[in-house]
């Protein structure tokens, strides 16, 4: 989970840098349309870039994974915390993917990587929740 969350964090930071720098050259040309998606009205919520919110979600996941080995609260509650964070993340990723396909009509390959990372994290969190004795 830690490696997947770090990949998601790296992608989110990259998308955030593109957003705040407003530099189209940072988007890889010929692979999807990162620029259109990252500059659509849906790339922000209340003025906060979605990429920043994604980065905060991945940081939260990483924090729970690190703290579960050090603090009793996290060791007891990490399956629930991880499930909650990843459930929220996957539901929002589904919504954003819908917007890319149906509304914006452009696909951001980095957004797809982030969504896939969240799917992997959600499935893993669900397994950890259902089978706690294995972790």
N, C-alpha and C. Protein backbone atom coordinates (compact mmCIF):
# COMPACT_ATOMS: atom_id res chain seq x y z
N UNK A 1 0.82 -1.20 0.00
CA UNK A 1 0.00 0.00 0.00
C UNK A 1 0.86 1.26 0.00
N UNK A 2 1.95 1.19 0.74
CA UNK A 2 2.81 2.36 0.86
C UNK A 2 3.37 2.78 -0.51
N UNK A 3 3.83 1.83 -1.29
CA UNK A 3 4.39 2.15 -2.61
C UNK A 3 3.31 2.73 -3.52
N UNK A 4 2.13 2.14 -3.50
CA UNK A 4 1.03 2.64 -4.35
C UNK A 4 0.63 4.05 -3.94
N UNK A 5 0.57 4.30 -2.63
CA UNK A 5 0.23 5.65 -2.16
C UNK A 5 1.30 6.66 -2.55
N UNK A 6 2.56 6.24 -2.54
CA UNK A 6 3.64 7.15 -2.96
C UNK A 6 3.55 7.46 -4.45
N UNK A 7 3.18 6.48 -5.25
CA UNK A 7 2.97 6.73 -6.69
C UNK A 7 1.83 7.73 -6.87
N UNK A 8 0.73 7.50 -6.17
CA UNK A 8 -0.40 8.43 -6.25
C UNK A 8 -0.02 9.83 -5.81
N UNK A 9 0.77 9.92 -4.75
CA UNK A 9 1.23 11.22 -4.27
C UNK A 9 2.10 11.91 -5.30
N UNK A 10 3.03 11.18 -5.92
CA UNK A 10 3.90 11.76 -6.94
C UNK A 10 3.09 12.30 -8.11
N UNK A 11 2.10 11.54 -8.55
CA UNK A 11 1.25 11.97 -9.67
C UNK A 11 0.45 13.21 -9.27
N UNK A 12 -0.10 13.21 -8.07
CA UNK A 12 -0.88 14.37 -7.61
C UNK A 12 -0.02 15.62 -7.51
N UNK A 13 1.19 15.47 -7.00
CA UNK A 13 2.10 16.62 -6.92
C UNK A 13 2.43 17.14 -8.31
N UNK A 14 2.68 16.23 -9.24
CA UNK A 14 2.96 16.61 -10.62
C UNK A 14 1.79 17.40 -11.22
N UNK A 15 0.57 16.90 -11.03
CA UNK A 15 -0.61 17.59 -11.54
C UNK A 15 -0.80 18.94 -10.86
N UNK A 16 -0.47 19.02 -9.58
CA UNK A 16 -0.57 20.28 -8.86
C UNK A 16 0.44 21.30 -9.41
N UNK A 17 1.63 20.84 -9.70
CA UNK A 17 2.65 21.73 -10.27
C UNK A 17 2.18 22.26 -11.63
N UNK A 18 1.61 21.38 -12.45
CA UNK A 18 1.07 21.83 -13.74
C UNK A 18 0.00 22.89 -13.52
N UNK A 19 -0.87 22.64 -12.55
CA UNK A 19 -1.99 23.56 -12.28
C UNK A 19 -1.49 24.93 -11.83
N UNK A 20 -0.58 24.95 -10.86
CA UNK A 20 -0.18 26.25 -10.32
C UNK A 20 0.82 26.98 -11.22
N UNK A 21 1.57 26.23 -12.02
CA UNK A 21 2.54 26.88 -12.91
C UNK A 21 1.88 27.37 -14.20
N UNK A 22 0.74 26.76 -14.53
CA UNK A 22 0.03 27.08 -15.77
C UNK A 22 0.95 26.92 -16.98
N UNK A 23 1.78 25.87 -16.94
CA UNK A 23 2.77 25.61 -17.99
C UNK A 23 2.35 24.38 -18.79
N UNK A 24 1.81 24.63 -19.98
CA UNK A 24 1.31 23.55 -20.83
C UNK A 24 2.42 22.60 -21.25
N UNK A 25 3.66 23.08 -21.30
CA UNK A 25 4.77 22.23 -21.74
C UNK A 25 5.05 21.09 -20.76
N UNK A 26 4.55 21.18 -19.51
CA UNK A 26 4.75 20.12 -18.54
C UNK A 26 3.88 18.89 -18.84
N UNK A 27 2.81 19.09 -19.61
CA UNK A 27 1.97 17.96 -20.01
C UNK A 27 2.65 17.23 -21.16
N UNK A 28 2.72 15.93 -21.04
CA UNK A 28 3.33 15.13 -22.11
C UNK A 28 2.41 15.16 -23.32
N UNK A 29 2.94 15.62 -24.43
CA UNK A 29 2.15 15.74 -25.65
C UNK A 29 1.98 14.38 -26.32
N UNK A 30 0.82 14.18 -26.91
CA UNK A 30 0.56 12.95 -27.66
C UNK A 30 -0.02 11.82 -26.83
N UNK A 31 -0.11 12.03 -25.51
CA UNK A 31 -0.69 11.01 -24.64
C UNK A 31 -1.84 11.66 -23.88
N UNK A 32 -3.04 11.49 -24.37
CA UNK A 32 -4.20 12.07 -23.71
C UNK A 32 -4.20 13.58 -23.79
N UNK A 33 -4.99 14.19 -22.93
CA UNK A 33 -5.12 15.65 -22.93
C UNK A 33 -5.11 16.17 -21.50
N UNK A 34 -3.96 16.06 -20.89
CA UNK A 34 -3.75 16.50 -19.51
C UNK A 34 -4.13 17.97 -19.34
N UNK A 35 -3.79 18.78 -20.32
CA UNK A 35 -3.97 20.22 -20.22
C UNK A 35 -5.45 20.60 -20.13
N UNK A 36 -6.27 20.03 -21.00
CA UNK A 36 -7.70 20.37 -20.98
C UNK A 36 -8.35 19.96 -19.67
N UNK A 37 -8.00 18.79 -19.18
CA UNK A 37 -8.59 18.31 -17.93
C UNK A 37 -8.12 19.16 -16.76
N UNK A 38 -6.84 19.46 -16.72
CA UNK A 38 -6.26 20.20 -15.58
C UNK A 38 -6.64 21.68 -15.59
N UNK A 39 -7.20 22.16 -16.67
CA UNK A 39 -7.63 23.55 -16.74
C UNK A 39 -9.14 23.69 -16.89
N UNK A 40 -9.85 22.60 -16.74
CA UNK A 40 -11.30 22.66 -16.81
C UNK A 40 -11.84 23.26 -15.51
N UNK A 41 -13.09 23.70 -15.53
CA UNK A 41 -13.68 24.22 -14.29
C UNK A 41 -13.78 23.15 -13.19
N UNK A 42 -13.68 21.89 -13.57
CA UNK A 42 -13.80 20.79 -12.61
C UNK A 42 -12.46 20.46 -11.94
N UNK A 43 -11.40 21.16 -12.30
CA UNK A 43 -10.09 20.87 -11.73
C UNK A 43 -9.87 21.56 -10.38
N UNK A 44 -10.90 22.27 -9.92
CA UNK A 44 -10.83 22.94 -8.63
C UNK A 44 -12.15 22.76 -7.90
N UNK A 45 -12.06 22.77 -6.57
CA UNK A 45 -13.26 22.75 -5.74
C UNK A 45 -13.12 23.90 -4.74
N UNK A 46 -14.00 24.87 -4.87
CA UNK A 46 -13.94 26.06 -4.02
C UNK A 46 -12.57 26.73 -4.10
N UNK A 47 -12.01 26.75 -5.29
CA UNK A 47 -10.72 27.40 -5.52
C UNK A 47 -9.50 26.56 -5.15
N UNK A 48 -9.74 25.35 -4.64
CA UNK A 48 -8.63 24.46 -4.26
C UNK A 48 -8.44 23.44 -5.38
N UNK A 49 -7.22 23.36 -5.93
CA UNK A 49 -6.98 22.39 -6.99
C UNK A 49 -7.25 20.95 -6.52
N UNK A 50 -7.95 20.19 -7.35
CA UNK A 50 -8.26 18.79 -7.05
C UNK A 50 -6.96 18.01 -6.83
N UNK A 51 -5.92 18.35 -7.58
CA UNK A 51 -4.64 17.65 -7.42
C UNK A 51 -4.09 17.82 -6.01
N UNK A 52 -4.30 18.97 -5.40
CA UNK A 52 -3.86 19.20 -4.03
C UNK A 52 -4.67 18.34 -3.06
N UNK A 53 -5.97 18.24 -3.30
CA UNK A 53 -6.81 17.39 -2.45
C UNK A 53 -6.38 15.93 -2.58
N UNK A 54 -6.04 15.51 -3.80
CA UNK A 54 -5.55 14.15 -4.00
C UNK A 54 -4.25 13.91 -3.26
N UNK A 55 -3.36 14.89 -3.32
CA UNK A 55 -2.08 14.77 -2.60
C UNK A 55 -2.32 14.64 -1.10
N UNK A 56 -3.25 15.40 -0.58
CA UNK A 56 -3.56 15.33 0.85
C UNK A 56 -4.15 13.96 1.21
N UNK A 57 -4.95 13.39 0.33
CA UNK A 57 -5.49 12.05 0.57
C UNK A 57 -4.37 11.02 0.61
N UNK A 58 -3.46 11.09 -0.34
CA UNK A 58 -2.34 10.14 -0.36
C UNK A 58 -1.42 10.34 0.84
N UNK A 59 -1.20 11.58 1.25
CA UNK A 59 -0.40 11.85 2.45
C UNK A 59 -1.08 11.26 3.68
N UNK A 60 -2.40 11.37 3.74
CA UNK A 60 -3.15 10.79 4.86
C UNK A 60 -2.98 9.28 4.90
N UNK A 61 -3.07 8.64 3.75
CA UNK A 61 -2.90 7.19 3.68
C UNK A 61 -1.49 6.80 4.13
N UNK A 62 -0.50 7.51 3.63
CA UNK A 62 0.89 7.24 4.01
C UNK A 62 1.06 7.43 5.52
N UNK A 63 0.48 8.50 6.05
CA UNK A 63 0.57 8.76 7.48
C UNK A 63 -0.04 7.65 8.31
N UNK A 64 -1.22 7.19 7.94
CA UNK A 64 -1.86 6.09 8.68
C UNK A 64 -0.99 4.84 8.62
N UNK A 65 -0.45 4.54 7.43
CA UNK A 65 0.39 3.35 7.29
C UNK A 65 1.65 3.43 8.16
N UNK A 66 2.23 4.60 8.27
CA UNK A 66 3.43 4.77 9.09
C UNK A 66 3.07 4.74 10.58
N UNK A 67 2.01 5.46 10.93
CA UNK A 67 1.63 5.58 12.34
C UNK A 67 1.04 4.30 12.92
N UNK A 68 0.52 3.41 12.07
CA UNK A 68 -0.10 2.20 12.62
C UNK A 68 0.91 1.31 13.33
N UNK A 69 2.17 1.47 13.02
CA UNK A 69 3.22 0.67 13.67
C UNK A 69 3.79 1.36 14.92
N UNK A 70 3.38 2.62 15.15
CA UNK A 70 3.98 3.39 16.23
C UNK A 70 3.01 3.80 17.33
N UNK A 71 1.74 3.92 17.00
CA UNK A 71 0.77 4.43 17.96
C UNK A 71 -0.42 3.48 18.07
N UNK A 72 -0.83 3.16 19.29
CA UNK A 72 -1.94 2.22 19.49
C UNK A 72 -3.24 2.64 18.80
N UNK A 73 -3.54 3.94 18.83
CA UNK A 73 -4.77 4.40 18.17
C UNK A 73 -4.78 3.99 16.70
N UNK A 74 -3.68 4.22 16.02
CA UNK A 74 -3.62 3.90 14.60
C UNK A 74 -3.56 2.39 14.36
N UNK A 75 -2.88 1.66 15.22
CA UNK A 75 -2.82 0.20 15.03
C UNK A 75 -4.20 -0.42 15.19
N UNK A 76 -5.02 0.13 16.07
CA UNK A 76 -6.37 -0.39 16.28
C UNK A 76 -7.34 0.08 15.21
N UNK A 77 -7.16 1.28 14.70
CA UNK A 77 -8.16 1.89 13.81
C UNK A 77 -7.72 2.03 12.36
N UNK A 78 -6.50 1.64 12.03
CA UNK A 78 -6.02 1.85 10.66
C UNK A 78 -6.88 1.16 9.60
N UNK A 79 -7.42 -0.04 9.83
CA UNK A 79 -8.26 -0.62 8.78
C UNK A 79 -9.48 0.25 8.45
N UNK A 80 -10.06 0.86 9.49
CA UNK A 80 -11.23 1.71 9.28
C UNK A 80 -10.85 3.04 8.64
N UNK A 81 -9.74 3.61 9.11
CA UNK A 81 -9.28 4.87 8.54
C UNK A 81 -8.92 4.71 7.06
N UNK A 82 -8.17 3.66 6.76
CA UNK A 82 -7.76 3.43 5.37
C UNK A 82 -8.96 3.14 4.48
N UNK A 83 -9.89 2.37 4.99
CA UNK A 83 -11.10 2.09 4.21
C UNK A 83 -11.87 3.37 3.94
N UNK A 84 -12.03 4.20 4.95
CA UNK A 84 -12.77 5.46 4.78
C UNK A 84 -12.11 6.41 3.80
N UNK A 85 -10.83 6.56 3.93
CA UNK A 85 -10.10 7.48 3.04
C UNK A 85 -10.15 6.96 1.60
N UNK A 86 -9.90 5.67 1.42
CA UNK A 86 -9.87 5.12 0.05
C UNK A 86 -11.27 5.03 -0.55
N UNK A 87 -12.29 4.78 0.27
CA UNK A 87 -13.66 4.77 -0.25
C UNK A 87 -14.03 6.15 -0.78
N UNK A 88 -13.71 7.17 -0.01
CA UNK A 88 -13.95 8.55 -0.46
C UNK A 88 -13.16 8.83 -1.74
N UNK A 89 -11.90 8.40 -1.75
CA UNK A 89 -11.05 8.63 -2.92
C UNK A 89 -11.55 7.93 -4.16
N UNK A 90 -11.99 6.69 -4.02
CA UNK A 90 -12.44 5.96 -5.21
C UNK A 90 -13.77 6.52 -5.72
N UNK A 91 -14.66 6.90 -4.82
CA UNK A 91 -15.93 7.49 -5.27
C UNK A 91 -15.69 8.80 -6.00
N UNK A 92 -14.80 9.63 -5.48
CA UNK A 92 -14.50 10.89 -6.15
C UNK A 92 -13.76 10.65 -7.46
N UNK A 93 -12.90 9.64 -7.51
CA UNK A 93 -12.21 9.30 -8.76
C UNK A 93 -13.19 8.85 -9.83
N UNK A 94 -14.21 8.10 -9.43
CA UNK A 94 -15.25 7.68 -10.38
C UNK A 94 -15.96 8.91 -10.94
N UNK A 95 -16.31 9.84 -10.08
CA UNK A 95 -16.96 11.07 -10.51
C UNK A 95 -16.07 11.86 -11.47
N UNK A 96 -14.80 12.00 -11.12
CA UNK A 96 -13.88 12.75 -11.99
C UNK A 96 -13.66 12.05 -13.33
N UNK A 97 -13.60 10.73 -13.32
CA UNK A 97 -13.44 9.99 -14.58
C UNK A 97 -14.68 10.18 -15.45
N UNK A 98 -15.85 10.17 -14.84
CA UNK A 98 -17.09 10.45 -15.58
C UNK A 98 -17.01 11.84 -16.22
N UNK A 99 -16.57 12.83 -15.46
CA UNK A 99 -16.46 14.19 -16.00
C UNK A 99 -15.49 14.23 -17.18
N UNK A 100 -14.37 13.53 -17.06
CA UNK A 100 -13.39 13.51 -18.16
C UNK A 100 -14.04 12.97 -19.43
N UNK A 101 -14.73 11.86 -19.30
CA UNK A 101 -15.28 11.17 -20.48
C UNK A 101 -16.52 11.89 -21.02
N UNK A 102 -17.47 12.20 -20.15
CA UNK A 102 -18.77 12.69 -20.61
C UNK A 102 -18.88 14.20 -20.76
N UNK A 103 -18.15 14.94 -19.95
CA UNK A 103 -18.32 16.40 -19.96
C UNK A 103 -17.15 17.10 -20.63
N UNK A 104 -15.94 16.83 -20.15
CA UNK A 104 -14.75 17.50 -20.69
C UNK A 104 -14.36 16.92 -22.04
N UNK A 105 -14.66 15.63 -22.21
CA UNK A 105 -14.33 14.89 -23.44
C UNK A 105 -12.82 14.88 -23.71
N UNK A 106 -12.08 14.67 -22.64
CA UNK A 106 -10.62 14.56 -22.71
C UNK A 106 -10.18 13.68 -21.55
N UNK A 107 -9.14 12.91 -21.79
CA UNK A 107 -8.61 12.01 -20.76
C UNK A 107 -7.20 12.45 -20.39
N UNK A 108 -7.00 12.61 -19.08
CA UNK A 108 -5.68 12.94 -18.55
C UNK A 108 -5.02 11.64 -18.11
N UNK A 109 -3.91 11.24 -18.74
CA UNK A 109 -3.29 9.97 -18.36
C UNK A 109 -2.82 9.94 -16.91
N UNK A 110 -2.42 11.07 -16.38
CA UNK A 110 -1.97 11.12 -14.99
C UNK A 110 -3.15 10.97 -14.03
N UNK A 111 -4.29 11.50 -14.43
CA UNK A 111 -5.50 11.32 -13.63
C UNK A 111 -5.91 9.85 -13.62
N UNK A 112 -5.73 9.18 -14.74
CA UNK A 112 -6.04 7.76 -14.82
C UNK A 112 -5.11 6.97 -13.89
N UNK A 113 -3.83 7.32 -13.88
CA UNK A 113 -2.88 6.64 -12.98
C UNK A 113 -3.30 6.86 -11.53
N UNK A 114 -3.68 8.06 -11.18
CA UNK A 114 -4.12 8.35 -9.82
C UNK A 114 -5.37 7.54 -9.48
N UNK A 115 -6.31 7.48 -10.40
CA UNK A 115 -7.54 6.71 -10.16
C UNK A 115 -7.23 5.23 -9.98
N UNK A 116 -6.33 4.71 -10.80
CA UNK A 116 -5.95 3.30 -10.66
C UNK A 116 -5.24 3.04 -9.34
N UNK A 117 -4.40 3.98 -8.93
CA UNK A 117 -3.73 3.85 -7.63
C UNK A 117 -4.77 3.80 -6.51
N UNK A 118 -5.79 4.64 -6.62
CA UNK A 118 -6.83 4.66 -5.59
C UNK A 118 -7.64 3.36 -5.61
N UNK A 119 -7.85 2.79 -6.78
CA UNK A 119 -8.55 1.49 -6.86
C UNK A 119 -7.74 0.42 -6.14
N UNK A 120 -6.45 0.37 -6.41
CA UNK A 120 -5.58 -0.62 -5.75
C UNK A 120 -5.59 -0.40 -4.24
N UNK A 121 -5.51 0.85 -3.81
CA UNK A 121 -5.52 1.15 -2.38
C UNK A 121 -6.85 0.77 -1.74
N UNK A 122 -7.95 1.03 -2.44
CA UNK A 122 -9.27 0.69 -1.91
C UNK A 122 -9.42 -0.83 -1.75
N UNK A 123 -9.04 -1.57 -2.79
CA UNK A 123 -9.15 -3.04 -2.71
C UNK A 123 -8.29 -3.57 -1.57
N UNK A 124 -7.09 -3.06 -1.45
CA UNK A 124 -6.20 -3.50 -0.38
C UNK A 124 -6.77 -3.13 0.99
N UNK A 125 -7.31 -1.92 1.11
CA UNK A 125 -7.91 -1.49 2.38
C UNK A 125 -9.11 -2.37 2.72
N UNK A 126 -9.90 -2.72 1.72
CA UNK A 126 -11.06 -3.60 1.93
C UNK A 126 -10.61 -4.98 2.41
N UNK A 127 -9.58 -5.51 1.80
CA UNK A 127 -9.04 -6.81 2.22
C UNK A 127 -8.53 -6.73 3.66
N UNK A 128 -7.83 -5.65 3.97
CA UNK A 128 -7.32 -5.48 5.35
C UNK A 128 -8.46 -5.36 6.35
N UNK A 129 -9.55 -4.75 5.94
CA UNK A 129 -10.70 -4.60 6.83
C UNK A 129 -11.40 -5.94 7.04
N UNK A 130 -11.56 -6.72 5.97
CA UNK A 130 -12.26 -8.00 6.05
C UNK A 130 -11.43 -9.11 6.68
N UNK A 131 -10.12 -9.05 6.51
CA UNK A 131 -9.22 -10.11 7.01
C UNK A 131 -8.11 -9.50 7.87
N UNK A 132 -8.46 -8.92 9.03
CA UNK A 132 -7.47 -8.22 9.85
C UNK A 132 -6.37 -9.11 10.40
N UNK A 133 -6.63 -10.39 10.56
CA UNK A 133 -5.62 -11.27 11.15
C UNK A 133 -4.41 -11.48 10.24
N UNK A 134 -4.56 -11.15 8.97
CA UNK A 134 -3.47 -11.32 8.01
C UNK A 134 -2.51 -10.14 8.01
N UNK A 135 -2.88 -9.06 8.71
CA UNK A 135 -2.04 -7.84 8.68
C UNK A 135 -1.62 -7.43 10.04
